[in-house]
Amino acid sequence: MEPRENYYASSHEYVHVEGDVAIVGISNYAQKELGDVVFVELPQAGTTLEAGDEFGSIESVKAVSELFAPVGGEVIEVNDVLSEKPDMVNSDSYGDGWMLKIRMADASELEQLMSAEDYDDYIKREK
């Protein structure tokens, strides 16, 4: 079960909303599927993203996967700790393993994402 208050993209990124800021990372399901994360590539703060834009990549012992912005806006903070400790994505994907903070340009984009319940159903169908 994924955290109920978050929104989820079909590409397995989550959004946790705090005011007009979207905290973005990958879901617990996604990190389990990837396996041990060894490298995370993220954009610079100040980068402007549109919803659906590729913003970086995540590399595990199994594969390299692209990361996509679930909402658009300006990247106001990047989790630099992940450059030294990429495994934080595995150990705490919804806490210390977050990736970006985006000041949302249009909060209505959240309506295009899945609720936690819908995401749980989505990953059951993917298996």
N, C-alpha and C. Protein backbone atom coordinates (compact mmCIF):
# COMPACT_ATOMS: atom_id res chain seq x y z
N MET A 1 0.84 -1.19 0.00
CA MET A 1 0.00 0.00 0.00
C MET A 1 0.88 1.25 0.00
N GLU A 2 0.59 2.13 -0.90
CA GLU A 2 1.35 3.38 -1.03
C GLU A 2 0.68 4.44 -0.15
N PRO A 3 1.43 5.47 0.26
CA PRO A 3 0.83 6.52 1.10
C PRO A 3 -0.41 7.14 0.43
N ARG A 4 -1.47 7.26 1.21
CA ARG A 4 -2.78 7.68 0.70
C ARG A 4 -2.80 9.13 0.24
N GLU A 5 -2.00 10.00 0.85
CA GLU A 5 -2.10 11.43 0.55
C GLU A 5 -1.36 11.82 -0.73
N ASN A 6 -0.58 10.90 -1.28
CA ASN A 6 0.21 11.22 -2.47
C ASN A 6 -0.58 10.99 -3.75
N TYR A 7 -0.06 11.54 -4.83
CA TYR A 7 -0.56 11.31 -6.19
C TYR A 7 0.50 10.48 -6.91
N TYR A 8 0.07 9.71 -7.92
CA TYR A 8 0.99 8.79 -8.60
C TYR A 8 0.83 8.86 -10.11
N ALA A 9 1.97 8.77 -10.81
CA ALA A 9 1.99 8.73 -12.27
C ALA A 9 2.12 7.27 -12.72
N SER A 10 1.67 6.98 -13.93
CA SER A 10 1.78 5.62 -14.46
C SER A 10 3.24 5.22 -14.66
N SER A 11 4.14 6.20 -14.70
CA SER A 11 5.58 5.93 -14.81
C SER A 11 6.21 5.72 -13.43
N HIS A 12 5.38 5.67 -12.38
CA HIS A 12 5.76 5.30 -11.01
C HIS A 12 6.42 6.40 -10.18
N GLU A 13 6.34 7.64 -10.64
CA GLU A 13 6.75 8.75 -9.78
C GLU A 13 5.57 9.11 -8.87
N TYR A 14 5.90 9.61 -7.68
CA TYR A 14 4.84 10.11 -6.80
C TYR A 14 5.00 11.60 -6.62
N VAL A 15 3.91 12.24 -6.18
CA VAL A 15 3.90 13.65 -5.81
C VAL A 15 3.30 13.76 -4.42
N HIS A 16 4.06 14.37 -3.53
CA HIS A 16 3.53 14.73 -2.22
C HIS A 16 3.41 16.25 -2.23
N VAL A 17 2.22 16.77 -1.96
CA VAL A 17 1.96 18.20 -2.09
C VAL A 17 2.08 18.90 -0.75
N GLU A 18 2.86 19.98 -0.74
CA GLU A 18 2.95 20.88 0.40
C GLU A 18 2.75 22.30 -0.12
N GLY A 19 1.54 22.82 -0.02
CA GLY A 19 1.22 24.13 -0.57
C GLY A 19 1.28 24.09 -2.08
N ASP A 20 2.13 24.95 -2.69
CA ASP A 20 2.27 24.94 -4.15
C ASP A 20 3.52 24.17 -4.58
N VAL A 21 4.09 23.40 -3.64
CA VAL A 21 5.31 22.64 -3.93
C VAL A 21 4.99 21.15 -4.03
N ALA A 22 5.47 20.55 -5.10
CA ALA A 22 5.35 19.11 -5.30
C ALA A 22 6.68 18.46 -4.96
N ILE A 23 6.66 17.56 -3.99
CA ILE A 23 7.85 16.77 -3.67
C ILE A 23 7.72 15.50 -4.49
N VAL A 24 8.74 15.23 -5.33
CA VAL A 24 8.68 14.15 -6.31
C VAL A 24 9.72 13.09 -5.99
N GLY A 25 9.35 11.85 -6.15
CA GLY A 25 10.26 10.73 -6.01
C GLY A 25 9.67 9.54 -6.76
N ILE A 26 10.22 8.36 -6.55
CA ILE A 26 9.62 7.17 -7.15
C ILE A 26 8.94 6.36 -6.05
N SER A 27 7.91 5.65 -6.45
CA SER A 27 7.11 4.89 -5.49
C SER A 27 7.90 3.74 -4.89
N ASN A 28 7.40 3.26 -3.78
CA ASN A 28 8.00 2.11 -3.13
C ASN A 28 7.97 0.90 -4.07
N TYR A 29 6.86 0.74 -4.78
CA TYR A 29 6.74 -0.34 -5.76
C TYR A 29 7.87 -0.24 -6.80
N ALA A 30 8.10 0.97 -7.31
CA ALA A 30 9.12 1.16 -8.35
C ALA A 30 10.52 0.83 -7.83
N GLN A 31 10.83 1.28 -6.62
CA GLN A 31 12.18 1.00 -6.10
C GLN A 31 12.38 -0.49 -5.87
N LYS A 32 11.31 -1.19 -5.46
CA LYS A 32 11.43 -2.65 -5.29
C LYS A 32 11.66 -3.34 -6.63
N GLU A 33 10.95 -2.88 -7.66
CA GLU A 33 11.11 -3.46 -8.99
C GLU A 33 12.52 -3.21 -9.55
N LEU A 34 13.07 -2.03 -9.28
CA LEU A 34 14.40 -1.69 -9.77
C LEU A 34 15.50 -2.49 -9.09
N GLY A 35 15.31 -2.75 -7.81
CA GLY A 35 16.39 -3.39 -7.04
C GLY A 35 17.32 -2.33 -6.49
N ASP A 36 18.53 -2.72 -6.13
CA ASP A 36 19.47 -1.81 -5.47
C ASP A 36 19.86 -0.65 -6.38
N VAL A 37 19.50 0.57 -5.97
CA VAL A 37 19.80 1.77 -6.74
C VAL A 37 21.26 2.15 -6.50
N VAL A 38 22.01 2.37 -7.61
CA VAL A 38 23.43 2.69 -7.51
C VAL A 38 23.77 4.10 -8.00
N PHE A 39 22.83 4.74 -8.73
CA PHE A 39 23.11 6.07 -9.26
C PHE A 39 21.80 6.77 -9.60
N VAL A 40 21.71 8.06 -9.26
CA VAL A 40 20.55 8.88 -9.61
C VAL A 40 21.06 10.15 -10.27
N GLU A 41 20.54 10.45 -11.46
CA GLU A 41 20.89 11.68 -12.18
C GLU A 41 19.68 12.61 -12.13
N LEU A 42 19.89 13.82 -11.60
CA LEU A 42 18.80 14.77 -11.43
C LEU A 42 19.17 16.11 -12.07
N PRO A 43 18.17 16.93 -12.39
CA PRO A 43 18.46 18.25 -12.99
C PRO A 43 18.95 19.25 -11.95
N GLN A 44 19.36 20.39 -12.41
CA GLN A 44 19.77 21.49 -11.52
C GLN A 44 18.53 22.22 -11.01
N ALA A 45 18.63 22.76 -9.80
CA ALA A 45 17.59 23.68 -9.32
C ALA A 45 17.51 24.84 -10.32
N GLY A 46 16.32 25.34 -10.55
CA GLY A 46 16.12 26.40 -11.52
C GLY A 46 15.62 25.89 -12.86
N THR A 47 15.72 24.59 -13.10
CA THR A 47 15.24 23.98 -14.33
C THR A 47 13.71 24.07 -14.37
N THR A 48 13.16 24.40 -15.53
CA THR A 48 11.71 24.41 -15.70
C THR A 48 11.31 23.15 -16.44
N LEU A 49 10.30 22.47 -15.90
CA LEU A 49 9.82 21.22 -16.48
C LEU A 49 8.34 21.33 -16.84
N GLU A 50 7.97 20.65 -17.89
CA GLU A 50 6.55 20.46 -18.22
C GLU A 50 6.17 19.07 -17.72
N ALA A 51 4.90 18.88 -17.38
CA ALA A 51 4.44 17.55 -16.98
C ALA A 51 4.77 16.57 -18.09
N GLY A 52 5.37 15.46 -17.74
CA GLY A 52 5.74 14.43 -18.72
C GLY A 52 7.17 14.54 -19.22
N ASP A 53 7.84 15.66 -18.94
CA ASP A 53 9.24 15.81 -19.36
C ASP A 53 10.14 14.81 -18.63
N GLU A 54 11.13 14.30 -19.34
CA GLU A 54 12.15 13.49 -18.69
C GLU A 54 13.02 14.43 -17.88
N PHE A 55 13.23 14.11 -16.59
CA PHE A 55 14.05 15.01 -15.77
C PHE A 55 15.34 14.36 -15.28
N GLY A 56 15.53 13.10 -15.57
CA GLY A 56 16.75 12.45 -15.12
C GLY A 56 16.65 10.96 -15.31
N SER A 57 17.52 10.24 -14.62
CA SER A 57 17.50 8.78 -14.72
C SER A 57 17.92 8.18 -13.39
N ILE A 58 17.55 6.91 -13.26
CA ILE A 58 17.90 6.16 -12.06
C ILE A 58 18.48 4.83 -12.52
N GLU A 59 19.62 4.48 -11.95
CA GLU A 59 20.31 3.26 -12.34
C GLU A 59 20.35 2.31 -11.16
N SER A 60 19.99 1.07 -11.44
CA SER A 60 20.07 0.04 -10.41
C SER A 60 20.97 -1.07 -10.92
N VAL A 61 21.15 -2.09 -10.10
CA VAL A 61 21.96 -3.23 -10.54
C VAL A 61 21.28 -3.96 -11.69
N LYS A 62 19.97 -3.73 -11.88
CA LYS A 62 19.20 -4.41 -12.94
C LYS A 62 19.08 -3.61 -14.23
N ALA A 63 18.91 -2.28 -14.12
CA ALA A 63 18.54 -1.50 -15.30
C ALA A 63 18.76 -0.01 -15.07
N VAL A 64 18.66 0.75 -16.16
CA VAL A 64 18.62 2.21 -16.10
C VAL A 64 17.22 2.62 -16.55
N SER A 65 16.58 3.48 -15.79
CA SER A 65 15.23 3.93 -16.13
C SER A 65 15.20 5.45 -16.15
N GLU A 66 14.41 6.00 -17.07
CA GLU A 66 14.22 7.44 -17.12
C GLU A 66 13.23 7.84 -16.03
N LEU A 67 13.35 9.09 -15.61
CA LEU A 67 12.44 9.67 -14.63
C LEU A 67 11.65 10.78 -15.33
N PHE A 68 10.35 10.85 -15.05
CA PHE A 68 9.48 11.81 -15.72
C PHE A 68 8.77 12.70 -14.71
N ALA A 69 8.66 13.98 -15.05
CA ALA A 69 8.01 14.94 -14.16
C ALA A 69 6.49 14.69 -14.16
N PRO A 70 5.92 14.40 -13.00
CA PRO A 70 4.47 14.19 -12.96
C PRO A 70 3.68 15.50 -13.06
N VAL A 71 4.31 16.61 -12.72
CA VAL A 71 3.71 17.94 -12.83
C VAL A 71 4.76 18.90 -13.37
N GLY A 72 4.30 20.00 -13.91
CA GLY A 72 5.22 21.00 -14.44
C GLY A 72 5.47 22.12 -13.45
N GLY A 73 6.58 22.82 -13.68
CA GLY A 73 6.93 23.96 -12.84
C GLY A 73 8.44 24.10 -12.76
N GLU A 74 8.87 24.90 -11.79
CA GLU A 74 10.29 25.14 -11.61
C GLU A 74 10.85 24.25 -10.51
N VAL A 75 11.97 23.60 -10.81
CA VAL A 75 12.67 22.81 -9.80
C VAL A 75 13.30 23.79 -8.82
N ILE A 76 12.84 23.75 -7.56
CA ILE A 76 13.36 24.69 -6.57
C ILE A 76 14.39 24.04 -5.64
N GLU A 77 14.41 22.71 -5.62
CA GLU A 77 15.40 22.02 -4.80
C GLU A 77 15.60 20.61 -5.34
N VAL A 78 16.82 20.14 -5.25
CA VAL A 78 17.18 18.79 -5.66
C VAL A 78 17.80 18.10 -4.45
N ASN A 79 17.49 16.83 -4.27
CA ASN A 79 18.04 16.08 -3.15
C ASN A 79 19.47 15.66 -3.48
N ASP A 80 20.43 16.52 -3.13
CA ASP A 80 21.84 16.27 -3.43
C ASP A 80 22.41 15.07 -2.68
N VAL A 81 21.78 14.68 -1.60
CA VAL A 81 22.25 13.53 -0.82
C VAL A 81 22.28 12.27 -1.69
N LEU A 82 21.38 12.21 -2.66
CA LEU A 82 21.30 11.01 -3.50
C LEU A 82 22.54 10.80 -4.37
N SER A 83 23.30 11.86 -4.62
CA SER A 83 24.54 11.68 -5.40
C SER A 83 25.55 10.86 -4.61
N GLU A 84 25.54 10.99 -3.30
CA GLU A 84 26.44 10.23 -2.44
C GLU A 84 25.81 8.94 -1.93
N LYS A 85 24.50 8.97 -1.73
CA LYS A 85 23.79 7.83 -1.15
C LYS A 85 22.54 7.50 -1.97
N PRO A 86 22.72 7.01 -3.19
CA PRO A 86 21.56 6.71 -4.03
C PRO A 86 20.65 5.64 -3.44
N ASP A 87 21.20 4.80 -2.55
CA ASP A 87 20.40 3.74 -1.94
C ASP A 87 19.34 4.28 -0.99
N MET A 88 19.35 5.59 -0.70
CA MET A 88 18.27 6.20 0.09
C MET A 88 16.93 6.00 -0.61
N VAL A 89 16.95 5.92 -1.94
CA VAL A 89 15.73 5.67 -2.69
C VAL A 89 15.13 4.32 -2.28
N ASN A 90 15.99 3.33 -2.04
CA ASN A 90 15.52 2.02 -1.61
C ASN A 90 15.06 2.02 -0.16
N SER A 91 15.81 2.65 0.70
CA SER A 91 15.53 2.55 2.14
C SER A 91 14.40 3.46 2.60
N ASP A 92 14.15 4.57 1.88
CA ASP A 92 13.15 5.54 2.34
C ASP A 92 12.63 6.36 1.17
N SER A 93 11.96 5.70 0.22
CA SER A 93 11.56 6.39 -1.01
C SER A 93 10.61 7.56 -0.76
N TYR A 94 9.79 7.49 0.30
CA TYR A 94 8.84 8.57 0.58
C TYR A 94 9.37 9.58 1.59
N GLY A 95 10.54 9.33 2.14
CA GLY A 95 11.13 10.25 3.11
C GLY A 95 12.41 10.83 2.57
N ASP A 96 13.54 10.38 3.11
CA ASP A 96 14.84 10.92 2.72
C ASP A 96 15.23 10.60 1.27
N GLY A 97 14.51 9.70 0.62
CA GLY A 97 14.82 9.33 -0.76
C GLY A 97 14.08 10.14 -1.81
N TRP A 98 13.45 11.25 -1.41
CA TRP A 98 12.79 12.13 -2.39
C TRP A 98 13.83 12.65 -3.39
N MET A 99 13.38 13.12 -4.55
CA MET A 99 14.30 13.55 -5.60
C MET A 99 14.27 15.05 -5.88
N LEU A 100 13.07 15.59 -6.11
CA LEU A 100 12.93 17.00 -6.51
C LEU A 100 11.83 17.68 -5.72
N LYS A 101 11.96 18.98 -5.60
CA LYS A 101 10.84 19.82 -5.17
C LYS A 101 10.57 20.78 -6.33
N ILE A 102 9.33 20.76 -6.78
CA ILE A 102 8.91 21.57 -7.92
C ILE A 102 7.84 22.55 -7.46
N ARG A 103 8.06 23.84 -7.73
CA ARG A 103 6.99 24.82 -7.51
C ARG A 103 6.05 24.67 -8.70
N MET A 104 4.87 24.14 -8.42
CA MET A 104 3.94 23.81 -9.51
C MET A 104 3.45 25.04 -10.25
N ALA A 105 3.46 24.95 -11.57
CA ALA A 105 2.93 26.02 -12.40
C ALA A 105 1.40 25.94 -12.46
N ASP A 106 0.85 24.73 -12.37
CA ASP A 106 -0.59 24.53 -12.51
C ASP A 106 -1.00 23.32 -11.66
N ALA A 107 -1.53 23.59 -10.48
CA ALA A 107 -1.89 22.51 -9.55
C ALA A 107 -2.99 21.62 -10.12
N SER A 108 -3.73 22.09 -11.12
CA SER A 108 -4.79 21.24 -11.70
C SER A 108 -4.19 20.03 -12.43
N GLU A 109 -2.88 20.06 -12.72
CA GLU A 109 -2.23 18.89 -13.33
C GLU A 109 -2.30 17.67 -12.41
N LEU A 110 -2.47 17.91 -11.12
CA LEU A 110 -2.58 16.79 -10.18
C LEU A 110 -3.78 15.91 -10.51
N GLU A 111 -4.81 16.52 -11.12
CA GLU A 111 -6.02 15.77 -11.48
C GLU A 111 -5.74 14.70 -12.53
N GLN A 112 -4.63 14.83 -13.25
CA GLN A 112 -4.26 13.84 -14.28
C GLN A 112 -3.56 12.63 -13.68
N LEU A 113 -3.19 12.72 -12.40
CA LEU A 113 -2.46 11.64 -11.73
C LEU A 113 -3.43 10.72 -11.00
N MET A 114 -2.92 9.58 -10.56
CA MET A 114 -3.75 8.60 -9.87
C MET A 114 -3.75 8.84 -8.36
N SER A 115 -4.88 8.52 -7.75
CA SER A 115 -4.93 8.47 -6.29
C SER A 115 -4.17 7.23 -5.85
N ALA A 116 -3.91 7.12 -4.56
CA ALA A 116 -3.22 5.94 -4.05
C ALA A 116 -4.01 4.67 -4.34
N GLU A 117 -5.33 4.73 -4.19
CA GLU A 117 -6.17 3.56 -4.45
C GLU A 117 -6.06 3.14 -5.92
N ASP A 118 -6.16 4.14 -6.81
CA ASP A 118 -6.05 3.84 -8.25
C ASP A 118 -4.67 3.29 -8.58
N TYR A 119 -3.63 3.84 -7.96
CA TYR A 119 -2.27 3.37 -8.21
C TYR A 119 -2.10 1.93 -7.72
N ASP A 120 -2.64 1.61 -6.55
CA ASP A 120 -2.58 0.23 -6.05
C ASP A 120 -3.22 -0.72 -7.06
N ASP A 121 -4.37 -0.33 -7.62
CA ASP A 121 -5.03 -1.16 -8.64
C ASP A 121 -4.16 -1.27 -9.89
N TYR A 122 -3.55 -0.16 -10.28
CA TYR A 122 -2.70 -0.11 -11.47
C TYR A 122 -1.52 -1.09 -11.34
N ILE A 123 -0.85 -1.08 -10.19
CA ILE A 123 0.32 -1.97 -10.06
C ILE A 123 -0.10 -3.43 -9.93
N LYS A 124 -1.29 -3.69 -9.42
CA LYS A 124 -1.79 -5.07 -9.40
C LYS A 124 -1.98 -5.58 -10.83
N ARG A 125 -2.48 -4.70 -11.71
CA ARG A 125 -2.68 -5.08 -13.12
C ARG A 125 -1.36 -5.23 -13.84
N GLU A 126 -0.33 -4.50 -13.42
CA GLU A 126 0.98 -4.56 -14.09
C GLU A 126 1.72 -5.86 -13.80
N LYS A 127 1.43 -6.46 -12.67
CA LYS A 127 2.18 -7.66 -12.25
C LYS A 127 1.87 -8.86 -13.11
